[in-house]
């Protein structure tokens, strides 16, 4: 359930606010509904990683690979690695935010 709430909230927030606002849904879900630390981290991590991976692949497909081609000029890694790294960064940020929310709730009880 936490995964689904983070997934939908982050998906909606990403269209309006800057990228770093992905921490807010995870943080609040961690406070309200995360069952354990492991569940908190992985629900936030998987939700945002999945969103960012699918969105990057979709953008890359729609512009015929220009996005990853240009990024590959900046970074000496193949295009698939850029997709993987981007999703991992977003996932870790939200996973840590969700875990932080969980630990704050646990400390307050």
PDB file of N, CA and C in Angstrom:
ATOM      1  N   UNK A   1       0.816  -1.190   0.000  1.00  0.00           N
ATOM      2  CA  UNK A   1       0.000   0.000   0.000  1.00  0.00           C
ATOM      3  C   UNK A   1       0.867   1.264   0.000  1.00  0.00           C
ATOM      4  N   UNK A   2       1.952   1.253   0.779  1.00  0.00           N
ATOM      5  CA  UNK A   2       2.837   2.417   0.830  1.00  0.00           C
ATOM      6  C   UNK A   2       3.459   2.670  -0.543  1.00  0.00           C
ATOM      7  N   UNK A   3       3.831   1.594  -1.233  1.00  0.00           N
ATOM      8  CA  UNK A   3       4.401   1.714  -2.577  1.00  0.00           C
ATOM      9  C   UNK A   3       3.442   2.439  -3.509  1.00  0.00           C
ATOM     10  N   UNK A   4       2.195   2.031  -3.493  1.00  0.00           N
ATOM     11  CA  UNK A   4       1.194   2.605  -4.390  1.00  0.00           C
ATOM     12  C   UNK A   4       0.939   4.083  -4.080  1.00  0.00           C
ATOM     13  N   UNK A   5       0.866   4.430  -2.815  1.00  0.00           N
ATOM     14  CA  UNK A   5       0.636   5.830  -2.433  1.00  0.00           C
ATOM     15  C   UNK A   5       1.819   6.696  -2.861  1.00  0.00           C
ATOM     16  N   UNK A   6       3.036   6.233  -2.607  1.00  0.00           N
ATOM     17  CA  UNK A   6       4.224   6.988  -3.018  1.00  0.00           C
ATOM     18  C   UNK A   6       4.275   7.103  -4.535  1.00  0.00           C
ATOM     19  N   UNK A   7       3.977   6.016  -5.225  1.00  0.00           N
ATOM     20  CA  UNK A   7       4.019   5.997  -6.687  1.00  0.00           C
ATOM     21  C   UNK A   7       3.067   7.038  -7.273  1.00  0.00           C
ATOM     22  N   UNK A   8       1.821   7.026  -6.851  1.00  0.00           N
ATOM     23  CA  UNK A   8       0.817   7.943  -7.406  1.00  0.00           C
ATOM     24  C   UNK A   8       1.115   9.389  -7.015  1.00  0.00           C
ATOM     25  N   UNK A   9       1.445   9.629  -5.749  1.00  0.00           N
ATOM     26  CA  UNK A   9       1.725  11.000  -5.298  1.00  0.00           C
ATOM     27  C   UNK A   9       2.953  11.575  -5.999  1.00  0.00           C
ATOM     28  N   UNK A  10       3.995  10.789  -6.136  1.00  0.00           N
ATOM     29  CA  UNK A  10       5.206  11.266  -6.799  1.00  0.00           C
ATOM     30  C   UNK A  10       4.957  11.504  -8.275  1.00  0.00           C
ATOM     31  N   UNK A  11       4.198  10.639  -8.889  1.00  0.00           N
ATOM     32  CA  UNK A  11       3.867  10.805 -10.301  1.00  0.00           C
ATOM     33  C   UNK A  11       3.150  12.130 -10.538  1.00  0.00           C
ATOM     34  N   UNK A  12       2.232  12.480  -9.661  1.00  0.00           N
ATOM     35  CA  UNK A  12       1.502  13.741  -9.802  1.00  0.00           C
ATOM     36  C   UNK A  12       2.378  14.950  -9.477  1.00  0.00           C
ATOM     37  N   UNK A  13       3.199  14.835  -8.455  1.00  0.00           N
ATOM     38  CA  UNK A  13       4.057  15.950  -8.035  1.00  0.00           C
ATOM     39  C   UNK A  13       5.127  16.263  -9.081  1.00  0.00           C
ATOM     40  N   UNK A  14       5.637  15.251  -9.769  1.00  0.00           N
ATOM     41  CA  UNK A  14       6.709  15.444 -10.737  1.00  0.00           C
ATOM     42  C   UNK A  14       6.320  16.350 -11.898  1.00  0.00           C
ATOM     43  N   UNK A  15       5.044  16.447 -12.197  1.00  0.00           N
ATOM     44  CA  UNK A  15       4.615  17.292 -13.307  1.00  0.00           C
ATOM     45  C   UNK A  15       4.517  18.764 -12.922  1.00  0.00           C
ATOM     46  N   UNK A  16       4.533  19.077 -11.634  1.00  0.00           N
ATOM     47  CA  UNK A  16       4.298  20.443 -11.186  1.00  0.00           C
ATOM     48  C   UNK A  16       5.517  21.043 -10.477  1.00  0.00           C
ATOM     49  N   UNK A  17       6.191  20.252  -9.669  1.00  0.00           N
ATOM     50  CA  UNK A  17       7.261  20.758  -8.812  1.00  0.00           C
ATOM     51  C   UNK A  17       8.628  20.264  -9.281  1.00  0.00           C
ATOM     52  N   UNK A  18       9.718  20.838  -8.763  1.00  0.00           N
ATOM     53  CA  UNK A  18      11.068  20.398  -9.133  1.00  0.00           C
ATOM     54  C   UNK A  18      11.337  18.953  -8.708  1.00  0.00           C
ATOM     55  N   UNK A  19      12.415  18.394  -9.242  1.00  0.00           N
ATOM     56  CA  UNK A  19      12.711  16.976  -9.024  1.00  0.00           C
ATOM     57  C   UNK A  19      12.893  16.641  -7.554  1.00  0.00           C
ATOM     58  N   UNK A  20      13.465  17.549  -6.779  1.00  0.00           N
ATOM     59  CA  UNK A  20      13.785  17.231  -5.386  1.00  0.00           C
ATOM     60  C   UNK A  20      12.543  17.133  -4.508  1.00  0.00           C
ATOM     61  N   UNK A  21      11.388  17.483  -5.015  1.00  0.00           N
ATOM     62  CA  UNK A  21      10.141  17.368  -4.243  1.00  0.00           C
ATOM     63  C   UNK A  21       9.660  15.922  -4.142  1.00  0.00           C
ATOM     64  N   UNK A  22      10.402  14.994  -4.733  1.00  0.00           N
ATOM     65  CA  UNK A  22      10.047  13.579  -4.604  1.00  0.00           C
ATOM     66  C   UNK A  22      10.208  13.098  -3.166  1.00  0.00           C
ATOM     67  N   UNK A  23      10.896  13.868  -2.334  1.00  0.00           N
ATOM     68  CA  UNK A  23      11.081  13.442  -0.946  1.00  0.00           C
ATOM     69  C   UNK A  23       9.813  13.570  -0.123  1.00  0.00           C
ATOM     70  N   UNK A  24       8.929  14.491  -0.471  1.00  0.00           N
ATOM     71  CA  UNK A  24       7.759  14.761   0.369  1.00  0.00           C
ATOM     72  C   UNK A  24       6.762  13.606   0.442  1.00  0.00           C
ATOM     73  N   UNK A  25       6.349  13.013  -0.679  1.00  0.00           N
ATOM     74  CA  UNK A  25       5.425  11.867  -0.543  1.00  0.00           C
ATOM     75  C   UNK A  25       6.039  10.727   0.262  1.00  0.00           C
ATOM     76  N   UNK A  26       7.312  10.436  -0.002  1.00  0.00           N
ATOM     77  CA  UNK A  26       7.969   9.366   0.734  1.00  0.00           C
ATOM     78  C   UNK A  26       8.062   9.652   2.219  1.00  0.00           C
ATOM     79  N   UNK A  27       8.419  10.876   2.559  1.00  0.00           N
ATOM     80  CA  UNK A  27       8.552  11.256   3.960  1.00  0.00           C
ATOM     81  C   UNK A  27       7.227  11.109   4.699  1.00  0.00           C
ATOM     82  N   UNK A  28       6.158  11.637   4.115  1.00  0.00           N
ATOM     83  CA  UNK A  28       4.857  11.580   4.787  1.00  0.00           C
ATOM     84  C   UNK A  28       4.293  10.169   4.836  1.00  0.00           C
ATOM     85  N   UNK A  29       4.536   9.381   3.802  1.00  0.00           N
ATOM     86  CA  UNK A  29       4.096   7.978   3.844  1.00  0.00           C
ATOM     87  C   UNK A  29       4.886   7.226   4.904  1.00  0.00           C
ATOM     88  N   UNK A  30       6.172   7.539   5.049  1.00  0.00           N
ATOM     89  CA  UNK A  30       6.970   6.918   6.098  1.00  0.00           C
ATOM     90  C   UNK A  30       6.439   7.229   7.483  1.00  0.00           C
ATOM     91  N   UNK A  31       5.985   8.453   7.687  1.00  0.00           N
ATOM     92  CA  UNK A  31       5.420   8.838   8.979  1.00  0.00           C
ATOM     93  C   UNK A  31       4.083   8.138   9.214  1.00  0.00           C
ATOM     94  N   UNK A  32       3.254   8.069   8.188  1.00  0.00           N
ATOM     95  CA  UNK A  32       1.878   7.613   8.372  1.00  0.00           C
ATOM     96  C   UNK A  32       1.710   6.099   8.279  1.00  0.00           C
ATOM     97  N   UNK A  33       2.300   5.451   7.273  1.00  0.00           N
ATOM     98  CA  UNK A  33       1.890   4.073   7.023  1.00  0.00           C
ATOM     99  C   UNK A  33       2.988   3.028   6.829  1.00  0.00           C
ATOM    100  N   UNK A  34       4.238   3.352   6.951  1.00  0.00           N
ATOM    101  CA  UNK A  34       5.276   2.337   6.762  1.00  0.00           C
ATOM    102  C   UNK A  34       5.271   1.355   7.929  1.00  0.00           C
ATOM    103  N   UNK A  35       5.351   0.062   7.618  1.00  0.00           N
ATOM    104  CA  UNK A  35       5.282  -0.965   8.649  1.00  0.00           C
ATOM    105  C   UNK A  35       6.618  -1.283   9.301  1.00  0.00           C
ATOM    106  N   UNK A  36       7.701  -1.187   8.536  1.00  0.00           N
ATOM    107  CA  UNK A  36       9.032  -1.468   9.066  1.00  0.00           C
ATOM    108  C   UNK A  36      10.039  -0.604   8.316  1.00  0.00           C
ATOM    109  N   UNK A  37      11.259  -0.573   8.801  1.00  0.00           N
ATOM    110  CA  UNK A  37      12.288   0.208   8.139  1.00  0.00           C
ATOM    111  C   UNK A  37      12.597  -0.310   6.752  1.00  0.00           C
ATOM    112  N   UNK A  38      12.657  -1.617   6.634  1.00  0.00           N
ATOM    113  CA  UNK A  38      12.929  -2.237   5.339  1.00  0.00           C
ATOM    114  C   UNK A  38      11.815  -1.930   4.345  1.00  0.00           C
ATOM    115  N   UNK A  39      10.576  -2.069   4.787  1.00  0.00           N
ATOM    116  CA  UNK A  39       9.430  -1.767   3.917  1.00  0.00           C
ATOM    117  C   UNK A  39       9.417  -0.296   3.536  1.00  0.00           C
ATOM    118  N   UNK A  40       9.745   0.573   4.479  1.00  0.00           N
ATOM    119  CA  UNK A  40       9.757   2.011   4.214  1.00  0.00           C
ATOM    120  C   UNK A  40      10.765   2.341   3.125  1.00  0.00           C
ATOM    121  N   UNK A  41      11.993   1.879   3.287  1.00  0.00           N
ATOM    122  CA  UNK A  41      13.021   2.205   2.302  1.00  0.00           C
ATOM    123  C   UNK A  41      12.680   1.646   0.934  1.00  0.00           C
ATOM    124  N   UNK A  42      12.340   0.367   0.872  1.00  0.00           N
ATOM    125  CA  UNK A  42      12.136  -0.252  -0.436  1.00  0.00           C
ATOM    126  C   UNK A  42      10.863   0.210  -1.129  1.00  0.00           C
ATOM    127  N   UNK A  43       9.837   0.595  -0.397  1.00  0.00           N
ATOM    128  CA  UNK A  43       8.640   1.119  -1.064  1.00  0.00           C
ATOM    129  C   UNK A  43       8.957   2.463  -1.719  1.00  0.00           C
ATOM    130  N   UNK A  44       9.684   3.333  -1.035  1.00  0.00           N
ATOM    131  CA  UNK A  44      10.086   4.604  -1.633  1.00  0.00           C
ATOM    132  C   UNK A  44      11.068   4.420  -2.770  1.00  0.00           C
ATOM    133  N   UNK A  45      12.037   3.545  -2.568  1.00  0.00           N
ATOM    134  CA  UNK A  45      13.051   3.296  -3.588  1.00  0.00           C
ATOM    135  C   UNK A  45      12.438   2.750  -4.870  1.00  0.00           C
ATOM    136  N   UNK A  46      11.634   1.719  -4.751  1.00  0.00           N
ATOM    137  CA  UNK A  46      11.064   1.084  -5.941  1.00  0.00           C
ATOM    138  C   UNK A  46      10.062   1.981  -6.660  1.00  0.00           C
ATOM    139  N   UNK A  47       9.266   2.727  -5.917  1.00  0.00           N
ATOM    140  CA  UNK A  47       8.261   3.590  -6.550  1.00  0.00           C
ATOM    141  C   UNK A  47       8.916   4.643  -7.437  1.00  0.00           C
ATOM    142  N   UNK A  48       9.882   5.361  -6.913  1.00  0.00           N
ATOM    143  CA  UNK A  48      10.490   6.445  -7.684  1.00  0.00           C
ATOM    144  C   UNK A  48      11.452   5.910  -8.737  1.00  0.00           C
ATOM    145  N   UNK A  49      12.170   4.848  -8.445  1.00  0.00           N
ATOM    146  CA  UNK A  49      13.036   4.256  -9.463  1.00  0.00           C
ATOM    147  C   UNK A  49      12.226   3.833 -10.673  1.00  0.00           C
ATOM    148  N   UNK A  50      11.115   3.188 -10.429  1.00  0.00           N
ATOM    149  CA  UNK A  50      10.256   2.743 -11.524  1.00  0.00           C
ATOM    150  C   UNK A  50       9.729   3.930 -12.331  1.00  0.00           C
ATOM    151  N   UNK A  51       9.278   4.970 -11.652  1.00  0.00           N
ATOM    152  CA  UNK A  51       8.785   6.164 -12.353  1.00  0.00           C
ATOM    153  C   UNK A  51       9.887   6.767 -13.221  1.00  0.00           C
ATOM    154  N   UNK A  52      11.061   6.954 -12.659  1.00  0.00           N
ATOM    155  CA  UNK A  52      12.134   7.613 -13.403  1.00  0.00           C
ATOM    156  C   UNK A  52      12.647   6.743 -14.542  1.00  0.00           C
ATOM    157  N   UNK A  53      12.748   5.432 -14.341  1.00  0.00           N
ATOM    158  CA  UNK A  53      13.196   4.555 -15.424  1.00  0.00           C
ATOM    159  C   UNK A  53      12.211   4.565 -16.583  1.00  0.00           C
ATOM    160  N   UNK A  54      10.946   4.404 -16.288  1.00  0.00           N
ATOM    161  CA  UNK A  54       9.934   4.370 -17.349  1.00  0.00           C
ATOM    162  C   UNK A  54       9.859   5.717 -18.058  1.00  0.00           C
ATOM    163  N   UNK A  55       9.900   6.801 -17.312  1.00  0.00           N
ATOM    164  CA  UNK A  55       9.809   8.128 -17.921  1.00  0.00           C
ATOM    165  C   UNK A  55      11.025   8.423 -18.803  1.00  0.00           C
ATOM    166  N   UNK A  56      12.210   8.049 -18.363  1.00  0.00           N
ATOM    167  CA  UNK A  56      13.416   8.272 -19.165  1.00  0.00           C
ATOM    168  C   UNK A  56      13.383   7.440 -20.437  1.00  0.00           C
ATOM    169  N   UNK A  57      12.965   6.194 -20.325  1.00  0.00           N
ATOM    170  CA  UNK A  57      12.863   5.345 -21.517  1.00  0.00           C
ATOM    171  C   UNK A  57      11.816   5.904 -22.477  1.00  0.00           C
ATOM    172  N   UNK A  58      10.698   6.375 -21.944  1.00  0.00           N
ATOM    173  CA  UNK A  58       9.652   6.966 -22.779  1.00  0.00           C
ATOM    174  C   UNK A  58      10.160   8.216 -23.498  1.00  0.00           C
ATOM    175  N   UNK A  59      10.815   9.121 -22.767  1.00  0.00           N
ATOM    176  CA  UNK A  59      11.361  10.327 -23.401  1.00  0.00           C
ATOM    177  C   UNK A  59      12.400   9.981 -24.453  1.00  0.00           C
ATOM    178  N   UNK A  60      13.258   9.035 -24.157  1.00  0.00           N
ATOM    179  CA  UNK A  60      14.293   8.640 -25.101  1.00  0.00           C
ATOM    180  C   UNK A  60      13.685   8.030 -26.358  1.00  0.00           C
ATOM    181  N   UNK A  61      12.642   7.248 -26.192  1.00  0.00           N
ATOM    182  CA  UNK A  61      11.983   6.634 -27.339  1.00  0.00           C
ATOM    183  C   UNK A  61      11.270   7.687 -28.188  1.00  0.00           C
ATOM    184  N   UNK A  62      10.622   8.631 -27.542  1.00  0.00           N
ATOM    185  CA  UNK A  62       9.877   9.657 -28.273  1.00  0.00           C
ATOM    186  C   UNK A  62      10.775  10.620 -29.052  1.00  0.00           C
ATOM    187  N   UNK A  63      12.015  10.822 -28.602  1.00  0.00           N
ATOM    188  CA  UNK A  63      12.901  11.728 -29.335  1.00  0.00           C
ATOM    189  C   UNK A  63      13.999  10.982 -30.094  1.00  0.00           C
ATOM    190  N   UNK A  64      13.752   9.714 -30.395  1.00  0.00           N
ATOM    191  CA  UNK A  64      14.647   8.894 -31.226  1.00  0.00           C
ATOM    192  C   UNK A  64      16.069   8.782 -30.677  1.00  0.00           C
ATOM    193  N   UNK A  65      16.217   8.748 -29.384  1.00  0.00           N
ATOM    194  CA  UNK A  65      17.512   8.515 -28.760  1.00  0.00           C
ATOM    195  C   UNK A  65      18.393   9.735 -28.602  1.00  0.00           C
ATOM    196  N   UNK A  66      17.891  10.912 -28.924  1.00  0.00           N
ATOM    197  CA  UNK A  66      18.710  12.123 -28.827  1.00  0.00           C
ATOM    198  C   UNK A  66      19.079  12.424 -27.378  1.00  0.00           C
ATOM    199  N   UNK A  67      18.148  12.196 -26.458  1.00  0.00           N
ATOM    200  CA  UNK A  67      18.396  12.480 -25.041  1.00  0.00           C
ATOM    201  C   UNK A  67      19.624  11.721 -24.532  1.00  0.00           C
ATOM    202  N   UNK A  68      19.638  10.425 -24.699  1.00  0.00           N
ATOM    203  CA  UNK A  68      20.764   9.637 -24.184  1.00  0.00           C
ATOM    204  C   UNK A  68      22.029   9.854 -25.002  1.00  0.00           C
ATOM    205  N   UNK A  69      21.882  10.165 -26.269  1.00  0.00           N
ATOM    206  CA  UNK A  69      23.046  10.450 -27.101  1.00  0.00           C
ATOM    207  C   UNK A  69      23.777  11.690 -26.592  1.00  0.00           C
ATOM    208  N   UNK A  70      23.023  12.715 -26.250  1.00  0.00           N
ATOM    209  CA  UNK A  70      23.632  13.948 -25.735  1.00  0.00           C
ATOM    210  C   UNK A  70      24.216  13.744 -24.340  1.00  0.00           C
ATOM    211  N   UNK A  71      23.510  13.000 -23.501  1.00  0.00           N
ATOM    212  CA  UNK A  71      24.044  12.729 -22.166  1.00  0.00           C
ATOM    213  C   UNK A  71      25.297  11.863 -22.233  1.00  0.00           C
ATOM    214  N   UNK A  72      25.351  10.966 -23.204  1.00  0.00           N
ATOM    215  CA  UNK A  72      26.538  10.118 -23.365  1.00  0.00           C
ATOM    216  C   UNK A  72      27.753  10.939 -23.783  1.00  0.00           C
ATOM    217  N   UNK A  73      27.522  12.082 -24.423  1.00  0.00           N
ATOM    218  CA  UNK A  73      28.644  12.972 -24.755  1.00  0.00           C
ATOM    219  C   UNK A  73      29.232  13.606 -23.494  1.00  0.00           C
ATOM    220  N   UNK A  74      28.380  13.870 -22.502  1.00  0.00           N
ATOM    221  CA  UNK A  74      28.844  14.495 -21.265  1.00  0.00           C
ATOM    222  C   UNK A  74      29.511  13.505 -20.323  1.00  0.00           C
ATOM    223  N   UNK A  75      28.935  12.319 -20.228  1.00  0.00           N
ATOM    224  CA  UNK A  75      29.434  11.300 -19.305  1.00  0.00           C
ATOM    225  C   UNK A  75      29.931  10.101 -20.102  1.00  0.00           C
ATOM    226  N   UNK A  76      31.093   9.571 -19.762  1.00  0.00           N
ATOM    227  CA  UNK A  76      31.650   8.457 -20.543  1.00  0.00           C
ATOM    228  C   UNK A  76      31.038   7.098 -20.176  1.00  0.00           C
ATOM    229  N   UNK A  77      29.719   7.014 -20.214  1.00  0.00           N
ATOM    230  CA  UNK A  77      29.030   5.746 -19.947  1.00  0.00           C
ATOM    231  C   UNK A  77      27.988   5.523 -21.038  1.00  0.00           C
ATOM    232  N   UNK A  78      27.620   4.279 -21.284  1.00  0.00           N
ATOM    233  CA  UNK A  78      26.589   4.011 -22.296  1.00  0.00           C
ATOM    234  C   UNK A  78      25.218   4.519 -21.853  1.00  0.00           C
ATOM    235  N   UNK A  79      24.299   4.628 -22.813  1.00  0.00           N
ATOM    236  CA  UNK A  79      22.980   5.176 -22.545  1.00  0.00           C
ATOM    237  C   UNK A  79      22.184   4.410 -21.512  1.00  0.00           C
ATOM    238  N   UNK A  80      22.257   3.079 -21.551  1.00  0.00           N
ATOM    239  CA  UNK A  80      21.484   2.281 -20.592  1.00  0.00           C
ATOM    240  C   UNK A  80      21.975   2.528 -19.170  1.00  0.00           C
ATOM    241  N   UNK A  81      23.262   2.824 -19.008  1.00  0.00           N
ATOM    242  CA  UNK A  81      23.800   3.087 -17.669  1.00  0.00           C
ATOM    243  C   UNK A  81      23.298   4.431 -17.141  1.00  0.00           C
ATOM    244  N   UNK A  82      23.092   5.387 -18.031  1.00  0.00           N
ATOM    245  CA  UNK A  82      22.554   6.683 -17.614  1.00  0.00           C
ATOM    246  C   UNK A  82      21.137   6.511 -17.092  1.00  0.00           C
ATOM    247  N   UNK A  83      20.344   5.688 -17.774  1.00  0.00           N
ATOM    248  CA  UNK A  83      18.981   5.403 -17.314  1.00  0.00           C
ATOM    249  C   UNK A  83      19.025   4.736 -15.943  1.00  0.00           C
ATOM    250  N   UNK A  84      19.888   3.749 -15.791  1.00  0.00           N
ATOM    251  CA  UNK A  84      20.008   3.015 -14.535  1.00  0.00           C
ATOM    252  C   UNK A  84      20.455   3.929 -13.394  1.00  0.00           C
ATOM    253  N   UNK A  85      21.463   4.741 -13.636  1.00  0.00           N
ATOM    254  CA  UNK A  85      21.986   5.637 -12.599  1.00  0.00           C
ATOM    255  C   UNK A  85      20.944   6.674 -12.191  1.00  0.00           C
ATOM    256  N   UNK A  86      20.235   7.231 -13.162  1.00  0.00           N
ATOM    257  CA  UNK A  86      19.194   8.215 -12.849  1.00  0.00           C
ATOM    258  C   UNK A  86      18.108   7.641 -11.965  1.00  0.00           C
ATOM    259  N   UNK A  87      17.640   6.447 -12.300  1.00  0.00           N
ATOM    260  CA  UNK A  87      16.618   5.797 -11.480  1.00  0.00           C
ATOM    261  C   UNK A  87      17.122   5.453 -10.090  1.00  0.00           C
ATOM    262  N   UNK A  88      18.372   5.027 -10.004  1.00  0.00           N
ATOM    263  CA  UNK A  88      18.946   4.699  -8.696  1.00  0.00           C
ATOM    264  C   UNK A  88      19.069   5.937  -7.811  1.00  0.00           C
ATOM    265  N   UNK A  89      19.453   7.058  -8.403  1.00  0.00           N
ATOM    266  CA  UNK A  89      19.563   8.296  -7.620  1.00  0.00           C
ATOM    267  C   UNK A  89      18.206   8.702  -7.068  1.00  0.00           C
ATOM    268  N   UNK A  90      17.194   8.728  -7.919  1.00  0.00           N
ATOM    269  CA  UNK A  90      15.852   9.076  -7.459  1.00  0.00           C
ATOM    270  C   UNK A  90      15.327   8.101  -6.426  1.00  0.00           C
ATOM    271  N   UNK A  91      15.609   6.815  -6.633  1.00  0.00           N
ATOM    272  CA  UNK A  91      15.156   5.797  -5.693  1.00  0.00           C
ATOM    273  C   UNK A  91      15.805   5.920  -4.328  1.00  0.00           C
ATOM    274  N   UNK A  92      17.102   6.159  -4.309  1.00  0.00           N
ATOM    275  CA  UNK A  92      17.805   6.285  -3.029  1.00  0.00           C
ATOM    276  C   UNK A  92      17.332   7.532  -2.276  1.00  0.00           C
ATOM    277  N   UNK A  93      17.139   8.635  -2.990  1.00  0.00           N
ATOM    278  CA  UNK A  93      16.671   9.869  -2.343  1.00  0.00           C
ATOM    279  C   UNK A  93      15.321   9.638  -1.678  1.00  0.00           C
ATOM    280  N   UNK A  94      14.391   9.043  -2.409  1.00  0.00           N
ATOM    281  CA  UNK A  94      13.059   8.821  -1.839  1.00  0.00           C
ATOM    282  C   UNK A  94      13.067   7.708  -0.804  1.00  0.00           C
ATOM    283  N   UNK A  95      13.876   6.683  -1.003  1.00  0.00           N
ATOM    284  CA  UNK A  95      13.970   5.620  -0.011  1.00  0.00           C
ATOM    285  C   UNK A  95      14.464   6.142   1.326  1.00  0.00           C
ATOM    286  N   UNK A  96      15.469   6.996   1.294  1.00  0.00           N
ATOM    287  CA  UNK A  96      15.994   7.579   2.532  1.00  0.00           C
ATOM    288  C   UNK A  96      14.965   8.520   3.159  1.00  0.00           C
ATOM    289  N   UNK A  97      14.232   9.267   2.338  1.00  0.00           N
ATOM    290  CA  UNK A  97      13.191  10.153   2.877  1.00  0.00           C
ATOM    291  C   UNK A  97      12.092   9.345   3.554  1.00  0.00           C
ATOM    292  N   UNK A  98      11.690   8.239   2.944  1.00  0.00           N
ATOM    293  CA  UNK A  98      10.656   7.393   3.539  1.00  0.00           C
ATOM    294  C   UNK A  98      11.159   6.751   4.827  1.00  0.00           C
ATOM    295  N   UNK A  99      12.388   6.299   4.820  1.00  0.00           N
ATOM    296  CA  UNK A  99      12.982   5.712   6.018  1.00  0.00           C
ATOM    297  C   UNK A  99      13.096   6.749   7.135  1.00  0.00           C
ATOM    298  N   UNK A 100      13.436   7.976   6.792  1.00  0.00           N
ATOM    299  CA  UNK A 100      13.502   9.054   7.777  1.00  0.00           C
ATOM    300  C   UNK A 100      12.143   9.309   8.407  1.00  0.00           C
ATOM    301  N   UNK A 101      11.106   9.340   7.582  1.00  0.00           N
ATOM    302  CA  UNK A 101       9.750   9.509   8.108  1.00  0.00           C
ATOM    303  C   UNK A 101       9.360   8.383   9.045  1.00  0.00           C
ATOM    304  N   UNK A 102       9.725   7.161   8.680  1.00  0.00           N
ATOM    305  CA  UNK A 102       9.427   6.007   9.535  1.00  0.00           C
ATOM    306  C   UNK A 102      10.133   6.138  10.884  1.00  0.00           C
ATOM    307  N   UNK A 103      11.412   6.512  10.868  1.00  0.00           N
ATOM    308  CA  UNK A 103      12.157   6.623  12.124  1.00  0.00           C
ATOM    309  C   UNK A 103      11.679   7.800  12.977  1.00  0.00           C
ATOM    310  N   UNK A 104      11.220   8.862  12.358  1.00  0.00           N
ATOM    311  CA  UNK A 104      10.660   9.978  13.132  1.00  0.00           C
ATOM    312  C   UNK A 104       9.390   9.536  13.842  1.00  0.00           C
ATOM    313  N   UNK A 105       8.528   8.795  13.130  1.00  0.00           N
ATOM    314  CA  UNK A 105       7.309   8.292  13.774  1.00  0.00           C
ATOM    315  C   UNK A 105       7.663   7.347  14.913  1.00  0.00           C
ATOM    316  N   UNK A 106       8.632   6.498  14.685  1.00  0.00           N
ATOM    317  CA  UNK A 106       9.033   5.528  15.708  1.00  0.00           C
ATOM    318  C   UNK A 106       9.637   6.222  16.934  1.00  0.00           C
ATOM    319  N   UNK A 107      10.384   7.299  16.710  1.00  0.00           N
ATOM    320  CA  UNK A 107      10.986   8.028  17.827  1.00  0.00           C
ATOM    321  C   UNK A 107       9.940   8.809  18.617  1.00  0.00           C
ATOM    322  N   UNK A 108       8.866   9.204  17.955  1.00  0.00           N
ATOM    323  CA  UNK A 108       7.832   9.995  18.619  1.00  0.00           C
ATOM    324  C   UNK A 108       6.886   9.136  19.445  1.00  0.00           C
ATOM    325  N   UNK A 109       6.848   7.848  19.167  1.00  0.00           N
ATOM    326  CA  UNK A 109       5.914   6.966  19.895  1.00  0.00           C
ATOM    327  C   UNK A 109       6.491   6.553  21.223  1.00  0.00           C
TER     328      UNK A 109
END
